[in-house]
PDB file of N, CA and C in Angstrom:
ATOM      1  N   MET A   1     -18.962  -3.370  -3.119  1.00  0.00           N
ATOM      2  CA  MET A   1     -18.030  -2.286  -3.357  1.00  0.00           C
ATOM      3  C   MET A   1     -18.328  -1.692  -4.726  1.00  0.00           C
ATOM      4  N   ASP A   2     -18.221  -0.401  -4.856  1.00  0.00           N
ATOM      5  CA  ASP A   2     -18.504   0.302  -6.100  1.00  0.00           C
ATOM      6  C   ASP A   2     -17.398   0.052  -7.115  1.00  0.00           C
ATOM      7  N   THR A   3     -17.778  -0.442  -8.297  1.00  0.00           N
ATOM      8  CA  THR A   3     -16.773  -0.769  -9.311  1.00  0.00           C
ATOM      9  C   THR A   3     -16.112   0.472  -9.896  1.00  0.00           C
ATOM     10  N   LEU A   4     -16.642   1.666  -9.634  1.00  0.00           N
ATOM     11  CA  LEU A   4     -15.995   2.881 -10.112  1.00  0.00           C
ATOM     12  C   LEU A   4     -14.652   3.104  -9.431  1.00  0.00           C
ATOM     13  N   HIS A   5     -14.448   2.475  -8.297  1.00  0.00           N
ATOM     14  CA  HIS A   5     -13.222   2.645  -7.530  1.00  0.00           C
ATOM     15  C   HIS A   5     -12.342   1.403  -7.582  1.00  0.00           C
ATOM     16  N   LEU A   6     -12.552   0.585  -8.593  1.00  0.00           N
ATOM     17  CA  LEU A   6     -11.774  -0.632  -8.763  1.00  0.00           C
ATOM     18  C   LEU A   6     -11.088  -0.624 -10.123  1.00  0.00           C
ATOM     19  N   ILE A   7      -9.880  -1.143 -10.148  1.00  0.00           N
ATOM     20  CA  ILE A   7      -9.112  -1.234 -11.385  1.00  0.00           C
ATOM     21  C   ILE A   7      -8.855  -2.707 -11.662  1.00  0.00           C
ATOM     22  N   SER A   8      -9.099  -3.127 -12.874  1.00  0.00           N
ATOM     23  CA  SER A   8      -8.840  -4.510 -13.252  1.00  0.00           C
ATOM     24  C   SER A   8      -7.359  -4.830 -13.035  1.00  0.00           C
ATOM     25  N   LYS A   9      -7.099  -5.950 -12.372  1.00  0.00           N
ATOM     26  CA  LYS A   9      -5.711  -6.335 -12.087  1.00  0.00           C
ATOM     27  C   LYS A   9      -4.929  -6.525 -13.377  1.00  0.00           C
ATOM     28  N   GLU A  10      -5.535  -7.172 -14.360  1.00  0.00           N
ATOM     29  CA  GLU A  10      -4.845  -7.432 -15.622  1.00  0.00           C
ATOM     30  C   GLU A  10      -4.538  -6.129 -16.359  1.00  0.00           C
ATOM     31  N   GLN A  11      -5.510  -5.221 -16.400  1.00  0.00           N
ATOM     32  CA  GLN A  11      -5.273  -3.945 -17.078  1.00  0.00           C
ATOM     33  C   GLN A  11      -4.215  -3.122 -16.354  1.00  0.00           C
ATOM     34  N   PHE A  12      -4.240  -3.155 -15.036  1.00  0.00           N
ATOM     35  CA  PHE A  12      -3.225  -2.443 -14.260  1.00  0.00           C
ATOM     36  C   PHE A  12      -1.839  -2.964 -14.621  1.00  0.00           C
ATOM     37  N   CYS A  13      -1.700  -4.271 -14.680  1.00  0.00           N
ATOM     38  CA  CYS A  13      -0.399  -4.879 -14.970  1.00  0.00           C
ATOM     39  C   CYS A  13       0.078  -4.539 -16.379  1.00  0.00           C
ATOM     40  N   ILE A  14      -0.819  -4.570 -17.331  1.00  0.00           N
ATOM     41  CA  ILE A  14      -0.448  -4.230 -18.712  1.00  0.00           C
ATOM     42  C   ILE A  14      -0.022  -2.769 -18.799  1.00  0.00           C
ATOM     43  N   TYR A  15      -0.817  -1.885 -18.230  1.00  0.00           N
ATOM     44  CA  TYR A  15      -0.545  -0.450 -18.313  1.00  0.00           C
ATOM     45  C   TYR A  15       0.767  -0.082 -17.617  1.00  0.00           C
ATOM     46  N   ASN A  16       1.023  -0.707 -16.457  1.00  0.00           N
ATOM     47  CA  ASN A  16       2.205  -0.367 -15.663  1.00  0.00           C
ATOM     48  C   ASN A  16       3.399  -1.283 -15.919  1.00  0.00           C
ATOM     49  N   LYS A  17       3.231  -2.217 -16.850  1.00  0.00           N
ATOM     50  CA  LYS A  17       4.297  -3.169 -17.189  1.00  0.00           C
ATOM     51  C   LYS A  17       4.802  -3.903 -15.937  1.00  0.00           C
ATOM     52  N   VAL A  18       3.847  -4.436 -15.201  1.00  0.00           N
ATOM     53  CA  VAL A  18       4.110  -5.178 -13.975  1.00  0.00           C
ATOM     54  C   VAL A  18       3.609  -6.599 -14.173  1.00  0.00           C
ATOM     55  N   GLU A  19       4.341  -7.558 -13.687  1.00  0.00           N
ATOM     56  CA  GLU A  19       3.921  -8.954 -13.802  1.00  0.00           C
ATOM     57  C   GLU A  19       2.721  -9.221 -12.897  1.00  0.00           C
ATOM     58  N   VAL A  20       1.768  -9.978 -13.418  1.00  0.00           N
ATOM     59  CA  VAL A  20       0.588 -10.351 -12.632  1.00  0.00           C
ATOM     60  C   VAL A  20       1.015 -11.135 -11.398  1.00  0.00           C
ATOM     61  N   SER A  21       2.033 -11.967 -11.536  1.00  0.00           N
ATOM     62  CA  SER A  21       2.499 -12.762 -10.398  1.00  0.00           C
ATOM     63  C   SER A  21       3.039 -11.874  -9.273  1.00  0.00           C
ATOM     64  N   PHE A  22       3.607 -10.711  -9.618  1.00  0.00           N
ATOM     65  CA  PHE A  22       4.081  -9.782  -8.593  1.00  0.00           C
ATOM     66  C   PHE A  22       2.908  -9.247  -7.778  1.00  0.00           C
ATOM     67  N   ILE A  23       1.823  -8.860  -8.456  1.00  0.00           N
ATOM     68  CA  ILE A  23       0.623  -8.375  -7.766  1.00  0.00           C
ATOM     69  C   ILE A  23       0.037  -9.493  -6.912  1.00  0.00           C
ATOM     70  N   ASP A  24      -0.010 -10.709  -7.457  1.00  0.00           N
ATOM     71  CA  ASP A  24      -0.514 -11.857  -6.693  1.00  0.00           C
ATOM     72  C   ASP A  24       0.342 -12.100  -5.449  1.00  0.00           C
ATOM     73  N   SER A  25       1.649 -11.962  -5.579  1.00  0.00           N
ATOM     74  CA  SER A  25       2.547 -12.169  -4.442  1.00  0.00           C
ATOM     75  C   SER A  25       2.329 -11.099  -3.371  1.00  0.00           C
ATOM     76  N   LEU A  26       2.134  -9.850  -3.797  1.00  0.00           N
ATOM     77  CA  LEU A  26       1.839  -8.783  -2.828  1.00  0.00           C
ATOM     78  C   LEU A  26       0.560  -9.099  -2.071  1.00  0.00           C
ATOM     79  N   HIS A  27      -0.430  -9.606  -2.800  1.00  0.00           N
ATOM     80  CA  HIS A  27      -1.698  -9.980  -2.165  1.00  0.00           C
ATOM     81  C   HIS A  27      -1.500 -11.165  -1.211  1.00  0.00           C
ATOM     82  N   ASP A  28      -0.774 -12.175  -1.653  1.00  0.00           N
ATOM     83  CA  ASP A  28      -0.534 -13.356  -0.820  1.00  0.00           C
ATOM     84  C   ASP A  28       0.187 -12.992   0.479  1.00  0.00           C
ATOM     85  N   MET A  29       1.059 -11.978   0.430  1.00  0.00           N
ATOM     86  CA  MET A  29       1.797 -11.553   1.623  1.00  0.00           C
ATOM     87  C   MET A  29       0.970 -10.617   2.511  1.00  0.00           C
ATOM     88  N   GLY A  30      -0.219 -10.240   2.034  1.00  0.00           N
ATOM     89  CA  GLY A  30      -1.080  -9.364   2.822  1.00  0.00           C
ATOM     90  C   GLY A  30      -0.748  -7.886   2.675  1.00  0.00           C
ATOM     91  N   LEU A  31       0.058  -7.535   1.675  1.00  0.00           N
ATOM     92  CA  LEU A  31       0.443  -6.143   1.495  1.00  0.00           C
ATOM     93  C   LEU A  31      -0.612  -5.325   0.756  1.00  0.00           C
ATOM     94  N   ILE A  32      -1.421  -5.995  -0.071  1.00  0.00           N
ATOM     95  CA  ILE A  32      -2.500  -5.309  -0.781  1.00  0.00           C
ATOM     96  C   ILE A  32      -3.754  -6.172  -0.741  1.00  0.00           C
ATOM     97  N   ASP A  33      -4.878  -5.535  -1.016  1.00  0.00           N
ATOM     98  CA  ASP A  33      -6.150  -6.242  -1.122  1.00  0.00           C
ATOM     99  C   ASP A  33      -6.505  -6.398  -2.595  1.00  0.00           C
ATOM    100  N   ILE A  34      -7.140  -7.493  -2.901  1.00  0.00           N
ATOM    101  CA  ILE A  34      -7.699  -7.725  -4.232  1.00  0.00           C
ATOM    102  C   ILE A  34      -9.163  -8.088  -4.044  1.00  0.00           C
ATOM    103  N   VAL A  35     -10.026  -7.452  -4.820  1.00  0.00           N
ATOM    104  CA  VAL A  35     -11.460  -7.678  -4.747  1.00  0.00           C
ATOM    105  C   VAL A  35     -11.866  -8.529  -5.946  1.00  0.00           C
ATOM    106  N   VAL A  36     -12.684  -9.544  -5.695  1.00  0.00           N
ATOM    107  CA  VAL A  36     -13.171 -10.406  -6.770  1.00  0.00           C
ATOM    108  C   VAL A  36     -14.648 -10.104  -6.988  1.00  0.00           C
ATOM    109  N   GLU A  37     -14.969  -9.732  -8.235  1.00  0.00           N
ATOM    110  CA  GLU A  37     -16.357  -9.496  -8.625  1.00  0.00           C
ATOM    111  C   GLU A  37     -16.592 -10.176  -9.961  1.00  0.00           C
ATOM    112  N   LYS A  38     -17.626 -11.003 -10.016  1.00  0.00           N
ATOM    113  CA  LYS A  38     -17.979 -11.725 -11.243  1.00  0.00           C
ATOM    114  C   LYS A  38     -16.770 -12.472 -11.808  1.00  0.00           C
ATOM    115  N   GLU A  39     -16.052 -13.123 -10.926  1.00  0.00           N
ATOM    116  CA  GLU A  39     -14.886 -13.953 -11.265  1.00  0.00           C
ATOM    117  C   GLU A  39     -13.720 -13.167 -11.878  1.00  0.00           C
ATOM    118  N   GLU A  40     -13.726 -11.848 -11.744  1.00  0.00           N
ATOM    119  CA  GLU A  40     -12.604 -11.030 -12.199  1.00  0.00           C
ATOM    120  C   GLU A  40     -11.982 -10.342 -10.987  1.00  0.00           C
ATOM    121  N   GLN A  41     -10.662 -10.198 -11.009  1.00  0.00           N
ATOM    122  CA  GLN A  41      -9.955  -9.600  -9.886  1.00  0.00           C
ATOM    123  C   GLN A  41      -9.700  -8.120 -10.139  1.00  0.00           C
ATOM    124  N   PHE A  42      -9.920  -7.326  -9.081  1.00  0.00           N
ATOM    125  CA  PHE A  42      -9.756  -5.884  -9.159  1.00  0.00           C
ATOM    126  C   PHE A  42      -8.900  -5.388  -7.995  1.00  0.00           C
ATOM    127  N   ILE A  43      -8.249  -4.265  -8.246  1.00  0.00           N
ATOM    128  CA  ILE A  43      -7.456  -3.599  -7.213  1.00  0.00           C
ATOM    129  C   ILE A  43      -8.209  -2.336  -6.808  1.00  0.00           C
ATOM    130  N   PRO A  44      -8.503  -2.165  -5.506  1.00  0.00           N
ATOM    131  CA  PRO A  44      -9.136  -0.916  -5.061  1.00  0.00           C
ATOM    132  C   PRO A  44      -8.198   0.263  -5.315  1.00  0.00           C
ATOM    133  N   ASP A  45      -8.761   1.389  -5.766  1.00  0.00           N
ATOM    134  CA  ASP A  45      -7.905   2.508  -6.147  1.00  0.00           C
ATOM    135  C   ASP A  45      -7.110   3.091  -4.983  1.00  0.00           C
ATOM    136  N   GLU A  46      -7.564   2.890  -3.751  1.00  0.00           N
ATOM    137  CA  GLU A  46      -6.794   3.400  -2.607  1.00  0.00           C
ATOM    138  C   GLU A  46      -5.507   2.600  -2.380  1.00  0.00           C
ATOM    139  N   GLN A  47      -5.373   1.457  -3.054  1.00  0.00           N
ATOM    140  CA  GLN A  47      -4.170   0.631  -2.955  1.00  0.00           C
ATOM    141  C   GLN A  47      -3.079   1.061  -3.944  1.00  0.00           C
ATOM    142  N   LEU A  48      -3.435   1.908  -4.906  1.00  0.00           N
ATOM    143  CA  LEU A  48      -2.516   2.236  -5.997  1.00  0.00           C
ATOM    144  C   LEU A  48      -1.220   2.885  -5.515  1.00  0.00           C
ATOM    145  N   LYS A  49      -1.314   3.778  -4.545  1.00  0.00           N
ATOM    146  CA  LYS A  49      -0.098   4.442  -4.057  1.00  0.00           C
ATOM    147  C   LYS A  49       0.871   3.409  -3.482  1.00  0.00           C
ATOM    148  N   ASN A  50       0.361   2.503  -2.670  1.00  0.00           N
ATOM    149  CA  ASN A  50       1.217   1.465  -2.094  1.00  0.00           C
ATOM    150  C   ASN A  50       1.813   0.564  -3.171  1.00  0.00           C
ATOM    151  N   ILE A  51       0.998   0.190  -4.156  1.00  0.00           N
ATOM    152  CA  ILE A  51       1.497  -0.676  -5.222  1.00  0.00           C
ATOM    153  C   ILE A  51       2.602   0.026  -6.002  1.00  0.00           C
ATOM    154  N   GLU A  52       2.442   1.315  -6.248  1.00  0.00           N
ATOM    155  CA  GLU A  52       3.488   2.067  -6.941  1.00  0.00           C
ATOM    156  C   GLU A  52       4.793   2.053  -6.148  1.00  0.00           C
ATOM    157  N   VAL A  53       4.693   2.218  -4.847  1.00  0.00           N
ATOM    158  CA  VAL A  53       5.886   2.190  -3.988  1.00  0.00           C
ATOM    159  C   VAL A  53       6.521   0.803  -4.023  1.00  0.00           C
ATOM    160  N   TYR A  54       5.706  -0.238  -3.871  1.00  0.00           N
ATOM    161  CA  TYR A  54       6.229  -1.605  -3.875  1.00  0.00           C
ATOM    162  C   TYR A  54       6.855  -1.949  -5.225  1.00  0.00           C
ATOM    163  N   THR A  55       6.232  -1.461  -6.301  1.00  0.00           N
ATOM    164  CA  THR A  55       6.770  -1.703  -7.640  1.00  0.00           C
ATOM    165  C   THR A  55       8.130  -1.038  -7.794  1.00  0.00           C
ATOM    166  N   HIS A  56       8.248   0.182  -7.303  1.00  0.00           N
ATOM    167  CA  HIS A  56       9.529   0.890  -7.335  1.00  0.00           C
ATOM    168  C   HIS A  56      10.587   0.119  -6.552  1.00  0.00           C
ATOM    169  N   PHE A  57      10.231  -0.323  -5.351  1.00  0.00           N
ATOM    170  CA  PHE A  57      11.171  -1.097  -4.534  1.00  0.00           C
ATOM    171  C   PHE A  57      11.651  -2.335  -5.279  1.00  0.00           C
ATOM    172  N   HIS A  58      10.714  -3.055  -5.883  1.00  0.00           N
ATOM    173  CA  HIS A  58      11.032  -4.347  -6.482  1.00  0.00           C
ATOM    174  C   HIS A  58      11.769  -4.216  -7.818  1.00  0.00           C
ATOM    175  N   TYR A  59      11.217  -3.427  -8.718  1.00  0.00           N
ATOM    176  CA  TYR A  59      11.764  -3.373 -10.075  1.00  0.00           C
ATOM    177  C   TYR A  59      12.938  -2.407 -10.228  1.00  0.00           C
ATOM    178  N   GLU A  60      12.933  -1.322  -9.490  1.00  0.00           N
ATOM    179  CA  GLU A  60      14.005  -0.337  -9.647  1.00  0.00           C
ATOM    180  C   GLU A  60      15.112  -0.491  -8.612  1.00  0.00           C
ATOM    181  N   LEU A  61      14.762  -0.951  -7.422  1.00  0.00           N
ATOM    182  CA  LEU A  61      15.766  -1.097  -6.370  1.00  0.00           C
ATOM    183  C   LEU A  61      16.139  -2.551  -6.107  1.00  0.00           C
ATOM    184  N   ALA A  62      15.502  -3.475  -6.818  1.00  0.00           N
ATOM    185  CA  ALA A  62      15.782  -4.912  -6.719  1.00  0.00           C
ATOM    186  C   ALA A  62      15.619  -5.447  -5.291  1.00  0.00           C
ATOM    187  N   ILE A  63      14.564  -4.996  -4.621  1.00  0.00           N
ATOM    188  CA  ILE A  63      14.257  -5.483  -3.275  1.00  0.00           C
ATOM    189  C   ILE A  63      13.271  -6.632  -3.412  1.00  0.00           C
ATOM    190  N   ASN A  64      13.578  -7.750  -2.753  1.00  0.00           N
ATOM    191  CA  ASN A  64      12.689  -8.915  -2.859  1.00  0.00           C
ATOM    192  C   ASN A  64      11.418  -8.699  -2.032  1.00  0.00           C
ATOM    193  N   LEU A  65      10.473  -9.615  -2.166  1.00  0.00           N
ATOM    194  CA  LEU A  65       9.177  -9.461  -1.508  1.00  0.00           C
ATOM    195  C   LEU A  65       9.281  -9.438   0.012  1.00  0.00           C
ATOM    196  N   GLU A  66      10.194 -10.237   0.562  1.00  0.00           N
ATOM    197  CA  GLU A  66      10.370 -10.239   2.008  1.00  0.00           C
ATOM    198  C   GLU A  66      10.901  -8.888   2.486  1.00  0.00           C
ATOM    199  N   GLY A  67      11.798  -8.291   1.699  1.00  0.00           N
ATOM    200  CA  GLY A  67      12.312  -6.962   2.026  1.00  0.00           C
ATOM    201  C   GLY A  67      11.223  -5.906   1.941  1.00  0.00           C
ATOM    202  N   ILE A  68      10.373  -6.011   0.919  1.00  0.00           N
ATOM    203  CA  ILE A  68       9.254  -5.083   0.772  1.00  0.00           C
ATOM    204  C   ILE A  68       8.318  -5.198   1.963  1.00  0.00           C
ATOM    205  N   ASP A  69       8.057  -6.418   2.396  1.00  0.00           N
ATOM    206  CA  ASP A  69       7.200  -6.646   3.561  1.00  0.00           C
ATOM    207  C   ASP A  69       7.798  -5.993   4.802  1.00  0.00           C
ATOM    208  N   ALA A  70       9.096  -6.164   5.015  1.00  0.00           N
ATOM    209  CA  ALA A  70       9.765  -5.574   6.174  1.00  0.00           C
ATOM    210  C   ALA A  70       9.733  -4.048   6.102  1.00  0.00           C
ATOM    211  N   ILE A  71      10.019  -3.492   4.932  1.00  0.00           N
ATOM    212  CA  ILE A  71       9.998  -2.036   4.764  1.00  0.00           C
ATOM    213  C   ILE A  71       8.597  -1.494   5.002  1.00  0.00           C
ATOM    214  N   SER A  72       7.598  -2.178   4.468  1.00  0.00           N
ATOM    215  CA  SER A  72       6.212  -1.752   4.654  1.00  0.00           C
ATOM    216  C   SER A  72       5.845  -1.725   6.133  1.00  0.00           C
ATOM    217  N   HIS A  73       6.238  -2.760   6.852  1.00  0.00           N
ATOM    218  CA  HIS A  73       5.958  -2.828   8.288  1.00  0.00           C
ATOM    219  C   HIS A  73       6.639  -1.677   9.024  1.00  0.00           C
ATOM    220  N   LEU A  74       7.889  -1.418   8.698  1.00  0.00           N
ATOM    221  CA  LEU A  74       8.620  -0.323   9.349  1.00  0.00           C
ATOM    222  C   LEU A  74       8.002   1.035   9.023  1.00  0.00           C
ATOM    223  N   LEU A  75       7.584   1.234   7.770  1.00  0.00           N
ATOM    224  CA  LEU A  75       6.950   2.499   7.398  1.00  0.00           C
ATOM    225  C   LEU A  75       5.631   2.701   8.139  1.00  0.00           C
ATOM    226  N   GLN A  76       4.878   1.629   8.316  1.00  0.00           N
ATOM    227  CA  GLN A  76       3.634   1.722   9.084  1.00  0.00           C
ATOM    228  C   GLN A  76       3.917   2.109  10.530  1.00  0.00           C
ATOM    229  N   ARG A  77       4.964   1.534  11.099  1.00  0.00           N
ATOM    230  CA  ARG A  77       5.340   1.884  12.477  1.00  0.00           C
ATOM    231  C   ARG A  77       5.776   3.336  12.581  1.00  0.00           C
ATOM    232  N   VAL A  78       6.575   3.802  11.618  1.00  0.00           N
ATOM    233  CA  VAL A  78       7.028   5.197  11.619  1.00  0.00           C
ATOM    234  C   VAL A  78       5.825   6.135  11.510  1.00  0.00           C
ATOM    235  N   ASN A  79       4.890   5.835  10.612  1.00  0.00           N
ATOM    236  CA  ASN A  79       3.696   6.667  10.461  1.00  0.00           C
ATOM    237  C   ASN A  79       2.869   6.701  11.739  1.00  0.00           C
ATOM    238  N   ALA A  80       2.721   5.563  12.390  1.00  0.00           N
ATOM    239  CA  ALA A  80       1.976   5.504  13.648  1.00  0.00           C
ATOM    240  C   ALA A  80       2.674   6.338  14.724  1.00  0.00           C
ATOM    241  N   LEU A  81       3.994   6.245  14.792  1.00  0.00           N
ATOM    242  CA  LEU A  81       4.743   7.040  15.770  1.00  0.00           C
ATOM    243  C   LEU A  81       4.627   8.531  15.480  1.00  0.00           C
ATOM    244  N   GLN A  82       4.658   8.908  14.212  1.00  0.00           N
ATOM    245  CA  GLN A  82       4.507  10.319  13.848  1.00  0.00           C
ATOM    246  C   GLN A  82       3.125  10.841  14.224  1.00  0.00           C
ATOM    247  N   GLU A  83       2.101  10.046  13.993  1.00  0.00           N
ATOM    248  CA  GLU A  83       0.745  10.441  14.376  1.00  0.00           C
ATOM    249  C   GLU A  83       0.632  10.586  15.886  1.00  0.00           C
ATOM    250  N   ASN A  84       1.230   9.653  16.610  1.00  0.00           N
ATOM    251  CA  ASN A  84       1.212   9.710  18.063  1.00  0.00           C
ATOM    252  C   ASN A  84       1.937  10.959  18.559  1.00  0.00           C
ATOM    253  N   LEU A  85       3.087  11.256  17.974  1.00  0.00           N
ATOM    254  CA  LEU A  85       3.853  12.442  18.352  1.00  0.00           C
ATOM    255  C   LEU A  85       3.049  13.710  18.079  1.00  0.00           C
ATOM    256  N   SER A  86       2.365  13.761  16.966  1.00  0.00           N
ATOM    257  CA  SER A  86       1.548  14.918  16.627  1.00  0.00           C
ATOM    258  C   SER A  86       0.416  15.110  17.634  1.00  0.00           C
ATOM    259  N   ARG A  87      -0.241  14.008  18.023  1.00  0.00           N
ATOM    260  CA  ARG A  87      -1.302  14.094  19.041  1.00  0.00           C
ATOM    261  C   ARG A  87      -0.749  14.601  20.365  1.00  0.00           C
ATOM    262  N   MET A  88       0.409  14.103  20.743  1.00  0.00           N
ATOM    263  CA  MET A  88       1.018  14.530  22.009  1.00  0.00           C
ATOM    264  C   MET A  88       1.399  16.012  21.970  1.00  0.00           C
ATOM    265  N   ARG A  89       1.931  16.461  20.848  1.00  0.00           N
ATOM    266  CA  ARG A  89       2.269  17.883  20.715  1.00  0.00           C
ATOM    267  C   ARG A  89       1.015  18.743  20.844  1.00  0.00           C
ATOM    268  N   ASN A  90      -0.067  18.311  20.222  1.00  0.00           N
ATOM    269  CA  ASN A  90      -1.320  19.052  20.311  1.00  0.00           C
ATOM    270  C   ASN A  90      -1.816  19.102  21.750  1.00  0.00           C
ATOM    271  N   ARG A  91      -1.678  18.025  22.481  1.00  0.00           N
ATOM    272  CA  ARG A  91      -2.099  18.002  23.885  1.00  0.00           C
ATOM    273  C   ARG A  91      -1.224  18.910  24.734  1.00  0.00           C
ATOM    274  N   LEU A  92       0.068  18.930  24.446  1.00  0.00           N
ATOM    275  CA  LEU A  92       0.979  19.802  25.194  1.00  0.00           C
ATOM    276  C   LEU A  92       0.722  21.270  24.921  1.00  0.00           C
ATOM    277  N   MET A  93       0.272  21.586  23.717  1.00  0.00           N
ATOM    278  CA  MET A  93      -0.007  22.982  23.370  1.00  0.00           C
ATOM    279  C   MET A  93      -1.114  23.561  24.252  1.00  0.00           C
ATOM    280  N   ILE A  94      -2.027  22.709  24.699  1.00  0.00           N
ATOM    281  CA  ILE A  94      -3.092  23.165  25.595  1.00  0.00           C
ATOM    282  C   ILE A  94      -2.485  23.722  26.867  1.00  0.00           C
ATOM    283  N   TYR A  95      -1.479  23.053  27.416  1.00  0.00           N
ATOM    284  CA  TYR A  95      -0.852  23.482  28.655  1.00  0.00           C
ATOM    285  C   TYR A  95       0.059  24.687  28.450  1.00  0.00           C
ATOM    286  N   GLU A  96       0.669  24.792  27.266  1.00  0.00           N
ATOM    287  CA  GLU A  96       1.549  25.919  26.974  1.00  0.00           C
ATOM    288  C   GLU A  96       0.756  27.202  26.796  1.00  0.00           C
ATOM    289  N   GLU A  97      -0.437  27.098  26.236  1.00  0.00           N
ATOM    290  CA  GLU A  97      -1.257  28.282  26.004  1.00  0.00           C
ATOM    291  C   GLU A  97      -1.947  28.735  27.271  1.00  0.00           C
ATOM    292  N   GLY A  98      -2.164  27.812  28.195  1.00  0.00           N
ATOM    293  CA  GLY A  98      -2.904  28.108  29.436  1.00  0.00           C
ATOM    294  C   GLY A  98      -2.078  28.780  30.425  1.00  0.00           C
TER     295      GLY A  98
END
């Protein structure tokens, strides 16, 4: 993986004032990926949006990790349903135009 798209876990935590154990817990629950290169842990930059959301849930809304996991699962389901609905609408438009 290209290191240009990786952020050091420790630097991320310092900059965002987030506990390293919180990031480790998100990883342990399967909510984020952590990449290990040369014995250092990195966060892929495409994970940053999710981490920001999870951080907001945890630190500002006082939602525990199990709650974050449940919310994440529900949001994934909602997004999948929205994508499915959009595909179906596009398919129906073929018949409406014809």
